[in-house]
């Protein structure tokens, strides 16, 4: 892990270089490949889906096998009841917390003008659930639960096809009562969501992370369809001092770095001695982790230790990084928290391991990455809704506001706007 000192003159430039290092540069070949995939789906629909599934996933499908038949599945011997019980507990906790996010409609009556803000659910959403090496049943829950609470009528799941489907994915699909599930992956799945085929009806908005092809397809199709966010590599900033347990801090940094070699784990501390204890514990603990090679590569490429004189300095650093996850383990976290404005999920105190947020406490683990926490939030019920503005006027309120409206239309040179107001003065 690279060690930076906050007091060094070149600190900010060096920090920015490390932050930029984890993001892959624009790949022209990838961009063109995805453009061609989208074009082919638009032109050939289901046949193109069959072609790309065979090419990329090495699986032969036909139109009748795109879709999962939920009723034909018996999972009794494939699913551990205790593990499924944990997922059910997570569903309950996430449901309870997200229900509190339901927005209220607003009404106002002023000068006999009735104004309303009305929230309505998006009609249909497509949820991309990654498969293969990085398969996360928890991502299914995090997307489906707020969609259901929002009142989305049609929730569609797509997951890449495999020779043996993850039984917990199937069990949770049944538990969450999702009836429309397709076995498709990559850019072609995103294109099917956005454009539609004879077999798959298009959706209004797409959610869920994926590989570079999925991310690129979401970029190219934005506007044709709504997009949740373009997810980057996972990241965490841990703030800890010499009073914290170095083993615990080491495990928190490893928990992010095991996701991906592009993931980023950052420790902010006021003690170089403590930082060395943490790095030593990482070496000891990773021996017992199956993904130690990924952890090694991630920490070598993107791992960072920042030494500060005071944790007051940590606030500016955190707000500059705007991390996906922030874990404040120092005892002064209550003083630091009000000053922090840029972070996706914030975890307070040494027992609040970020993994609890990933799975079970009730918050959503779909969070803004790559500094986008400066302007966006984690996934929630509002992402599955849209807001209407409603205006109702009568003759009196028309008379009250007509002259002002005509004046403003005059200044902007929009004569038809002015006419549409003026013409109503006589029935």
Protein backbone atom coordinates (compact mmCIF):
# COMPACT_ATOMS: atom_id res chain seq x y z
CA UNK A 1 0.00 0.00 0.00
CA UNK A 2 1.22 3.50 -0.86
CA UNK A 3 1.80 5.81 2.12
CA UNK A 4 1.03 9.53 1.70
CA UNK A 5 1.56 12.31 4.21
CA UNK A 6 -1.13 14.99 4.22
CA UNK A 7 1.45 17.71 5.00
CA UNK A 8 3.54 17.08 1.88
CA UNK A 9 3.26 19.79 -0.79
CA UNK A 10 2.35 17.38 -3.58
CA UNK A 11 -0.26 15.47 -1.52
CA UNK A 12 -3.35 16.42 -3.53
CA UNK A 13 -1.74 15.75 -6.93
CA UNK A 14 -0.46 12.38 -5.78
CA UNK A 15 -3.83 11.47 -4.24
CA UNK A 16 -5.66 12.35 -7.47
CA UNK A 17 -3.29 10.17 -9.51
CA UNK A 18 -3.98 7.21 -7.22
CA UNK A 19 -7.74 7.81 -7.41
CA UNK A 20 -7.67 8.03 -11.20
CA UNK A 21 -5.51 4.92 -11.48
CA UNK A 22 -8.38 2.55 -10.63
CA UNK A 23 -10.60 3.75 -13.49
CA UNK A 24 -9.98 2.09 -16.82
CA UNK A 25 -9.43 4.53 -19.73
CA UNK A 26 -11.96 4.74 -22.53
CA UNK A 27 -11.62 1.69 -24.76
CA UNK A 28 -12.51 2.48 -28.37
CA UNK A 29 -12.74 -1.21 -29.28
CA UNK A 30 -15.16 -1.85 -26.40
CA UNK A 31 -17.24 1.15 -27.40
CA UNK A 32 -17.49 -0.03 -31.02
CA UNK A 33 -18.18 -3.64 -30.04
CA UNK A 34 -21.08 -2.59 -27.83
CA UNK A 35 -22.39 -0.24 -30.50
CA UNK A 36 -22.50 -3.18 -32.93
CA UNK A 37 -24.19 -5.45 -30.39
CA UNK A 38 -26.92 -2.85 -29.79
CA UNK A 39 -27.36 -2.38 -33.55
CA UNK A 40 -27.70 -6.13 -34.06
CA UNK A 41 -30.26 -6.51 -31.24
CA UNK A 42 -32.27 -3.67 -32.75
CA UNK A 43 -32.20 -5.34 -36.17
CA UNK A 44 -32.39 -9.07 -35.36
CA UNK A 45 -33.87 -9.24 -31.86
CA UNK A 46 -34.10 -12.75 -30.43
CA UNK A 47 -31.81 -14.26 -33.07
CA UNK A 48 -29.05 -11.84 -32.08
CA UNK A 49 -29.55 -12.76 -28.39
CA UNK A 50 -29.14 -16.46 -29.26
CA UNK A 51 -26.00 -15.67 -31.26
CA UNK A 52 -24.31 -13.61 -28.53
CA UNK A 53 -25.23 -16.08 -25.76
CA UNK A 54 -23.50 -18.83 -27.71
CA UNK A 55 -20.50 -16.60 -28.48
CA UNK A 56 -19.90 -15.05 -25.05
CA UNK A 57 -21.47 -17.49 -22.57
CA UNK A 58 -20.82 -20.73 -24.52
CA UNK A 59 -24.41 -21.76 -23.93
CA UNK A 60 -26.97 -22.63 -26.60
CA UNK A 61 -30.43 -21.19 -25.96
CA UNK A 62 -33.54 -20.77 -28.02
CA UNK A 63 -36.44 -18.36 -27.55
CA UNK A 64 -38.33 -20.82 -25.39
CA UNK A 65 -35.41 -21.19 -22.94
CA UNK A 66 -34.67 -17.47 -22.42
CA UNK A 67 -37.25 -17.31 -19.70
CA UNK A 68 -37.20 -19.10 -16.35
CA UNK A 69 -40.20 -21.25 -15.47
CA UNK A 70 -40.44 -20.56 -11.73
CA UNK A 71 -43.09 -23.21 -11.07
CA UNK A 72 -40.91 -26.01 -12.42
CA UNK A 73 -38.17 -25.53 -9.80
CA UNK A 74 -37.76 -27.71 -6.72
CA UNK A 75 -35.03 -26.39 -4.41
CA UNK A 76 -35.61 -28.41 -1.25
CA UNK A 77 -32.31 -30.31 -1.40
CA UNK A 78 -30.20 -27.54 -2.92
CA UNK A 79 -30.76 -24.71 -0.44
CA UNK A 80 -29.62 -24.61 3.18
CA UNK A 81 -32.60 -23.52 5.30
CA UNK A 82 -30.41 -21.57 7.73
CA UNK A 83 -28.76 -19.57 4.95
CA UNK A 84 -32.12 -18.90 3.31
CA UNK A 85 -33.42 -17.76 6.70
CA UNK A 86 -30.61 -15.16 6.84
CA UNK A 87 -31.63 -13.83 3.43
CA UNK A 88 -35.28 -13.68 4.56
CA UNK A 89 -34.23 -11.68 7.62
CA UNK A 90 -32.36 -9.30 5.32
CA UNK A 91 -35.46 -8.90 3.14
CA UNK A 92 -37.50 -7.94 6.20
CA UNK A 93 -34.94 -5.45 7.51
CA UNK A 94 -34.44 -3.84 4.08
CA UNK A 95 -38.21 -3.67 3.58
CA UNK A 96 -38.83 -2.06 6.97
CA UNK A 97 -36.17 0.60 6.43
CA UNK A 98 -37.04 1.38 2.81
CA UNK A 99 -40.75 1.77 3.58
CA UNK A 100 -39.82 4.90 5.52
CA UNK A 101 -38.51 6.41 2.24
CA UNK A 102 -41.94 6.60 0.57
CA UNK A 103 -42.36 10.28 -0.39
CA UNK A 104 -45.41 12.39 0.37
CA UNK A 105 -47.39 14.28 -2.22
CA UNK A 106 -47.37 18.06 -1.80
CA UNK A 107 -50.33 20.41 -2.29
CA UNK A 108 -50.53 24.20 -2.23
CA UNK A 109 -53.39 26.63 -2.83
CA UNK A 110 -52.32 30.23 -3.36
CA UNK A 111 -54.31 32.95 -5.16
CA UNK A 112 -56.73 30.22 -6.24
CA UNK A 113 -54.00 28.31 -8.07
CA UNK A 114 -53.92 24.67 -7.01
CA UNK A 115 -50.44 23.15 -7.23
CA UNK A 116 -49.62 19.52 -6.60
CA UNK A 117 -46.60 17.29 -6.68
CA UNK A 118 -47.63 13.70 -7.26
CA UNK A 119 -45.33 10.69 -6.96
CA UNK A 120 -46.00 7.66 -9.15
CA UNK A 121 -44.08 4.43 -9.61
CA UNK A 122 -42.20 3.79 -12.85
CA UNK A 123 -44.29 1.34 -14.91
CA UNK A 124 -41.55 -1.20 -15.61
CA UNK A 125 -37.94 -1.77 -14.54
CA UNK A 126 -35.23 -4.19 -15.58
CA UNK A 127 -32.84 -5.50 -12.95
CA UNK A 128 -29.49 -6.85 -14.15
CA UNK A 129 -28.16 -9.35 -11.62
CA UNK A 130 -24.50 -10.27 -12.29
CA UNK A 131 -23.68 -13.97 -12.59
CA UNK A 132 -20.67 -16.18 -13.09
CA UNK A 133 -17.60 -15.48 -10.94
CA UNK A 134 -19.15 -12.50 -9.15
CA UNK A 135 -22.64 -13.66 -8.26
CA UNK A 136 -24.36 -11.79 -5.44
CA UNK A 137 -27.89 -12.89 -4.42
CA UNK A 138 -27.90 -9.88 -2.06
CA UNK A 139 -27.93 -7.58 -5.11
CA UNK A 140 -31.24 -9.11 -6.16
CA UNK A 141 -32.76 -8.17 -2.80
CA UNK A 142 -31.30 -4.64 -2.81
CA UNK A 143 -32.92 -3.91 -6.18
CA UNK A 144 -36.22 -5.77 -5.89
CA UNK A 145 -37.29 -4.58 -2.44
CA UNK A 146 -37.35 -0.79 -3.15
CA UNK A 147 -38.96 -1.46 -6.54
CA UNK A 148 -41.80 -3.37 -4.90
CA UNK A 149 -42.22 -0.73 -2.18
CA UNK A 150 -42.40 1.99 -4.84
CA UNK A 151 -45.22 0.06 -6.53
CA UNK A 152 -43.56 -0.86 -9.83
CA UNK A 153 -46.03 -3.03 -11.74
CA UNK A 154 -43.55 -4.96 -13.89
CA UNK A 155 -40.22 -6.02 -12.40
CA UNK A 156 -38.01 -8.01 -14.77
CA UNK A 157 -34.76 -9.76 -13.81
CA UNK A 158 -32.01 -10.75 -16.20
CA UNK A 159 -28.98 -12.78 -15.16
CA UNK A 160 -26.23 -14.33 -17.31
CA UNK A 161 -26.87 -17.96 -18.25
CA UNK A 162 -24.77 -20.69 -16.65
CA UNK A 163 -24.82 -24.47 -16.89
CA UNK A 164 -25.88 -24.64 -13.25
CA UNK A 165 -28.01 -21.78 -11.95
CA UNK A 166 -27.26 -20.56 -8.43
CA UNK A 167 -29.97 -22.13 -6.22
CA UNK A 168 -30.11 -19.13 -3.88
CA UNK A 169 -30.89 -16.84 -6.79
CA UNK A 170 -33.79 -19.13 -7.72
CA UNK A 171 -34.96 -19.37 -4.10
CA UNK A 172 -34.93 -15.59 -3.67
CA UNK A 173 -36.71 -15.03 -6.98
CA UNK A 174 -39.50 -17.26 -5.64
CA UNK A 175 -39.42 -15.60 -2.21
CA UNK A 176 -39.67 -12.11 -3.77
CA UNK A 177 -42.40 -13.26 -6.17
CA UNK A 178 -40.62 -12.16 -9.35
CA UNK A 179 -42.39 -13.91 -12.22
CA UNK A 180 -40.40 -12.58 -15.20
CA UNK A 181 -36.78 -13.77 -15.23
CA UNK A 182 -34.50 -14.20 -18.27
CA UNK A 183 -31.15 -15.93 -18.68
CA UNK A 184 -29.16 -13.42 -20.69
CA UNK A 185 -26.02 -11.42 -19.97
CA UNK A 186 -23.73 -8.66 -21.14
CA UNK A 187 -24.43 -5.74 -23.43
CA UNK A 188 -27.01 -7.80 -25.33
CA UNK A 189 -29.14 -8.15 -22.18
CA UNK A 190 -29.06 -4.39 -21.57
CA UNK A 191 -29.98 -3.80 -25.23
CA UNK A 192 -32.92 -6.22 -24.92
CA UNK A 193 -34.12 -4.33 -21.84
CA UNK A 194 -33.91 -0.99 -23.64
CA UNK A 195 -35.05 -1.87 -27.16
CA UNK A 196 -37.10 -5.03 -26.68
CA UNK A 197 -37.44 -8.12 -28.85
CA UNK A 198 -40.33 -10.41 -29.80
CA UNK A 199 -39.74 -12.33 -26.57
CA UNK A 200 -38.76 -9.52 -24.18
CA UNK A 201 -40.78 -6.33 -23.81
CA UNK A 202 -38.67 -3.21 -23.19
CA UNK A 203 -38.57 -1.57 -19.76
CA UNK A 204 -38.55 2.08 -18.69
CA UNK A 205 -35.44 2.00 -16.49
CA UNK A 206 -32.49 -0.35 -15.97
CA UNK A 207 -30.78 -1.11 -12.65
CA UNK A 208 -27.83 -3.23 -11.58
CA UNK A 209 -24.05 -3.48 -12.03
CA UNK A 210 -22.17 -5.61 -14.52
CA UNK A 211 -18.92 -5.98 -16.42
CA UNK A 212 -17.38 -3.39 -18.75
CA UNK A 213 -19.74 -4.39 -21.59
CA UNK A 214 -22.78 -3.87 -19.38
CA UNK A 215 -21.52 -0.47 -18.18
CA UNK A 216 -20.77 0.64 -21.74
CA UNK A 217 -24.19 -0.49 -22.98
CA UNK A 218 -25.86 1.48 -20.19
CA UNK A 219 -23.91 4.59 -21.23
CA UNK A 220 -24.86 4.23 -24.89
CA UNK A 221 -28.55 3.50 -24.22
CA UNK A 222 -29.10 6.24 -21.63
CA UNK A 223 -31.92 8.44 -22.91
CA UNK A 224 -33.59 5.61 -24.76
CA UNK A 225 -34.12 4.12 -21.31
CA UNK A 226 -33.53 5.33 -17.76
CA UNK A 227 -30.27 4.23 -16.12
CA UNK A 228 -29.64 3.93 -12.38
CA UNK A 229 -25.92 4.75 -12.36
CA UNK A 230 -22.67 3.68 -13.96
CA UNK A 231 -21.06 1.62 -11.22
CA UNK A 232 -17.30 1.73 -10.75
CA UNK A 233 -15.00 -0.44 -8.63
CA UNK A 234 -15.85 -0.88 -4.96
CA UNK A 235 -14.11 1.44 -2.48
CA UNK A 236 -13.77 2.20 1.23
CA UNK A 237 -12.11 4.80 3.42
CA UNK A 238 -11.43 3.70 7.01
CA UNK A 239 -10.53 6.29 9.63
CA UNK A 240 -8.78 4.78 12.66
CA UNK A 241 -6.13 5.54 15.29
CA UNK A 242 -3.76 3.70 17.57
CA UNK A 243 -6.62 2.88 19.97
CA UNK A 244 -8.36 0.77 17.34
CA UNK A 245 -7.78 -2.93 16.76
CA UNK A 246 -5.38 -3.31 13.80
CA UNK A 247 -6.80 -6.76 12.96
CA UNK A 248 -10.30 -5.33 12.64
CA UNK A 249 -9.12 -2.47 10.46
CA UNK A 250 -7.08 -4.85 8.30
CA UNK A 251 -10.15 -7.05 7.75
CA UNK A 252 -12.23 -3.99 6.75
CA UNK A 253 -9.69 -2.99 4.11
CA UNK A 254 -9.47 -6.57 2.82
CA UNK A 255 -13.27 -6.84 2.62
CA UNK A 256 -13.31 -4.25 -0.16
CA UNK A 257 -10.12 -5.29 -1.92
CA UNK A 258 -11.36 -8.87 -2.40
CA UNK A 259 -14.08 -7.62 -4.78
CA UNK A 260 -11.82 -6.74 -7.67
CA UNK A 261 -8.23 -5.82 -8.49
CA UNK A 262 -9.55 -2.33 -9.30
CA UNK A 263 -11.23 -1.96 -5.89
CA UNK A 264 -9.74 0.65 -3.58
CA UNK A 265 -9.09 0.51 0.17
CA UNK A 266 -7.82 3.62 1.96
CA UNK A 267 -6.76 4.00 5.59
CA UNK A 268 -6.59 7.46 7.16
CA UNK A 269 -4.71 7.49 10.48
CA UNK A 270 -2.62 9.81 12.63
CA UNK A 271 -0.10 7.10 13.49
CA UNK A 272 2.48 5.58 11.15
CA UNK A 273 3.08 2.98 13.87
CA UNK A 274 -0.58 1.94 13.72
CA UNK A 275 -0.50 1.90 9.90
CA UNK A 276 2.40 -0.59 10.01
CA UNK A 277 0.46 -2.77 12.46
CA UNK A 278 -2.47 -2.83 10.03
CA UNK A 279 -0.33 -3.78 7.02
CA UNK A 280 1.30 -6.55 9.08
CA UNK A 281 -2.15 -7.89 10.03
CA UNK A 282 -3.22 -7.84 6.38
CA UNK A 283 -0.26 -10.10 5.59
CA UNK A 284 -1.25 -12.45 8.43
CA UNK A 285 -4.99 -12.55 7.73
CA UNK A 286 -4.99 -12.86 3.96
CA UNK A 287 -3.32 -16.30 4.25
CA UNK A 288 -6.74 -17.61 5.31
CA UNK A 289 -8.70 -15.91 2.49
CA UNK A 290 -9.35 -17.68 -0.82
CA UNK A 291 -9.16 -14.43 -2.79
CA UNK A 292 -5.73 -13.43 -1.47
CA UNK A 293 -4.33 -12.96 -4.99
CA UNK A 294 -7.06 -10.43 -5.82
CA UNK A 295 -6.48 -8.73 -2.45
CA UNK A 296 -2.75 -8.50 -3.15
CA UNK A 297 -3.24 -6.97 -6.58
CA UNK A 298 -5.91 -4.54 -5.40
CA UNK A 299 -3.88 -3.25 -2.44
CA UNK A 300 -0.71 -3.02 -4.51
CA UNK A 301 -2.42 -1.10 -7.31
CA UNK A 302 -4.89 1.07 -5.38
CA UNK A 303 -4.31 0.60 -1.65
CA UNK A 304 -3.48 3.79 0.18
CA UNK A 305 -2.51 4.91 3.69
CA UNK A 306 -2.85 8.63 4.45
CA UNK A 307 -1.07 10.01 7.53
CA UNK A 308 -2.63 13.10 9.11
CA UNK A 309 -1.58 15.16 12.14
CA UNK A 310 -5.19 15.67 13.18
CA UNK A 311 -8.45 13.96 12.23
CA UNK A 312 -9.85 17.41 11.48
CA UNK A 313 -7.76 17.17 8.29
CA UNK A 314 -9.46 13.86 7.46
CA UNK A 315 -12.75 15.65 6.78
CA UNK A 316 -11.39 17.56 3.76
CA UNK A 317 -9.72 14.42 2.43
CA UNK A 318 -12.93 12.39 2.75
CA UNK A 319 -15.05 15.06 1.07
CA UNK A 320 -12.51 15.22 -1.76
CA UNK A 321 -12.46 11.44 -2.28
CA UNK A 322 -16.26 11.07 -1.81
CA UNK A 323 -15.95 7.33 -1.12
CA UNK A 324 -18.59 4.69 -1.72
CA UNK A 325 -18.13 3.45 1.85
CA UNK A 326 -16.77 5.38 4.82
CA UNK A 327 -16.03 3.71 8.16
CA UNK A 328 -15.29 6.10 11.04
CA UNK A 329 -13.79 3.98 13.79
CA UNK A 330 -12.19 6.74 15.89
CA UNK A 331 -13.97 7.69 19.11
CA UNK A 332 -14.41 11.27 17.84
CA UNK A 333 -16.66 10.13 14.96
CA UNK A 334 -19.64 12.11 16.29
CA UNK A 335 -17.64 15.33 15.91
CA UNK A 336 -16.45 14.41 12.41
CA UNK A 337 -19.81 13.21 11.02
CA UNK A 338 -21.61 16.61 10.71
CA UNK A 339 -18.73 17.97 8.60
CA UNK A 340 -18.76 15.09 6.11
CA UNK A 341 -21.02 15.68 3.11
CA UNK A 342 -19.58 13.39 0.43
CA UNK A 343 -19.89 9.65 1.07
CA UNK A 344 -22.24 6.91 -0.09
CA UNK A 345 -22.68 4.79 3.03
CA UNK A 346 -21.26 5.88 6.40
CA UNK A 347 -20.51 3.38 9.17
CA UNK A 348 -19.93 4.64 12.70
CA UNK A 349 -17.93 2.97 15.45
CA UNK A 350 -15.65 -0.05 15.43
CA UNK A 351 -18.46 -2.64 15.51
CA UNK A 352 -20.27 -1.27 12.43
CA UNK A 353 -18.45 -3.39 9.84
CA UNK A 354 -19.39 -2.37 6.32
CA UNK A 355 -20.42 -5.97 5.59
CA UNK A 356 -23.54 -5.43 7.72
CA UNK A 357 -24.61 -2.74 5.25
CA UNK A 358 -23.87 -5.06 2.35
CA UNK A 359 -26.27 -7.66 3.64
CA UNK A 360 -28.67 -7.30 6.50
CA UNK A 361 -29.12 -4.10 8.54
CA UNK A 362 -31.63 -2.54 6.12
CA UNK A 363 -29.72 0.12 4.19
CA UNK A 364 -29.03 -0.40 0.48
CA UNK A 365 -25.64 -1.59 -0.71
CA UNK A 366 -26.00 -0.05 -4.18
CA UNK A 367 -23.97 3.15 -3.63
CA UNK A 368 -22.29 5.85 -5.75
CA UNK A 369 -18.65 5.17 -6.68
CA UNK A 370 -15.70 7.00 -8.26
CA UNK A 371 -16.45 10.28 -6.48
CA UNK A 372 -20.07 10.45 -7.63
CA UNK A 373 -21.17 10.65 -3.97
CA UNK A 374 -20.53 14.39 -4.45
CA UNK A 375 -23.77 14.60 -6.41
CA UNK A 376 -25.70 11.34 -6.03
CA UNK A 377 -27.07 8.95 -3.42
CA UNK A 378 -27.41 5.25 -2.80
CA UNK A 379 -30.28 3.29 -4.32
CA UNK A 380 -33.66 3.82 -2.70
CA UNK A 381 -37.40 3.88 -3.25
CA UNK A 382 -37.31 7.27 -5.03
CA UNK A 383 -35.15 5.79 -7.81
CA UNK A 384 -38.13 3.65 -8.79
CA UNK A 385 -40.55 6.60 -8.86
CA UNK A 386 -41.12 9.77 -10.82
CA UNK A 387 -42.71 13.07 -9.86
CA UNK A 388 -45.55 14.87 -11.66
CA UNK A 389 -46.33 18.57 -11.29
CA UNK A 390 -50.05 19.39 -11.50
CA UNK A 391 -51.46 22.90 -12.02
CA UNK A 392 -55.14 23.81 -11.74
CA UNK A 393 -56.34 27.44 -12.29
CA UNK A 394 -59.68 29.22 -12.53
CA UNK A 395 -60.74 32.50 -14.14
CA UNK A 396 -59.76 34.57 -11.11
CA UNK A 397 -56.23 33.15 -10.84
CA UNK A 398 -55.91 33.43 -14.62
CA UNK A 399 -56.62 37.17 -14.38
CA UNK A 400 -54.18 37.55 -11.48
CA UNK A 401 -51.23 36.08 -13.37
CA UNK A 402 -51.95 36.72 -17.07
CA UNK A 403 -50.22 40.12 -17.37
CA UNK A 404 -47.03 38.93 -15.67
CA UNK A 405 -46.91 35.87 -17.89
CA UNK A 406 -47.40 38.00 -21.02
CA UNK A 407 -44.59 40.33 -19.89
CA UNK A 408 -42.17 37.43 -19.44
CA UNK A 409 -43.11 35.83 -22.76
CA UNK A 410 -42.53 39.23 -24.45
CA UNK A 411 -38.99 39.45 -23.09
CA UNK A 412 -38.16 35.97 -24.36
CA UNK A 413 -39.70 36.62 -27.78
CA UNK A 414 -42.16 33.74 -27.51
CA UNK A 415 -45.24 35.27 -29.11
CA UNK A 416 -47.29 32.06 -29.19
CA UNK A 417 -46.77 31.71 -25.44
CA UNK A 418 -48.19 35.18 -24.97
CA UNK A 419 -51.04 34.43 -27.37
CA UNK A 420 -52.01 31.25 -25.51
CA UNK A 421 -52.56 33.41 -22.41
CA UNK A 422 -54.13 36.47 -24.02
CA UNK A 423 -56.58 34.51 -26.16
CA UNK A 424 -58.34 33.23 -23.05
CA UNK A 425 -59.46 36.66 -21.81
CA UNK A 426 -62.66 36.41 -23.82
CA UNK A 427 -64.68 33.22 -24.09
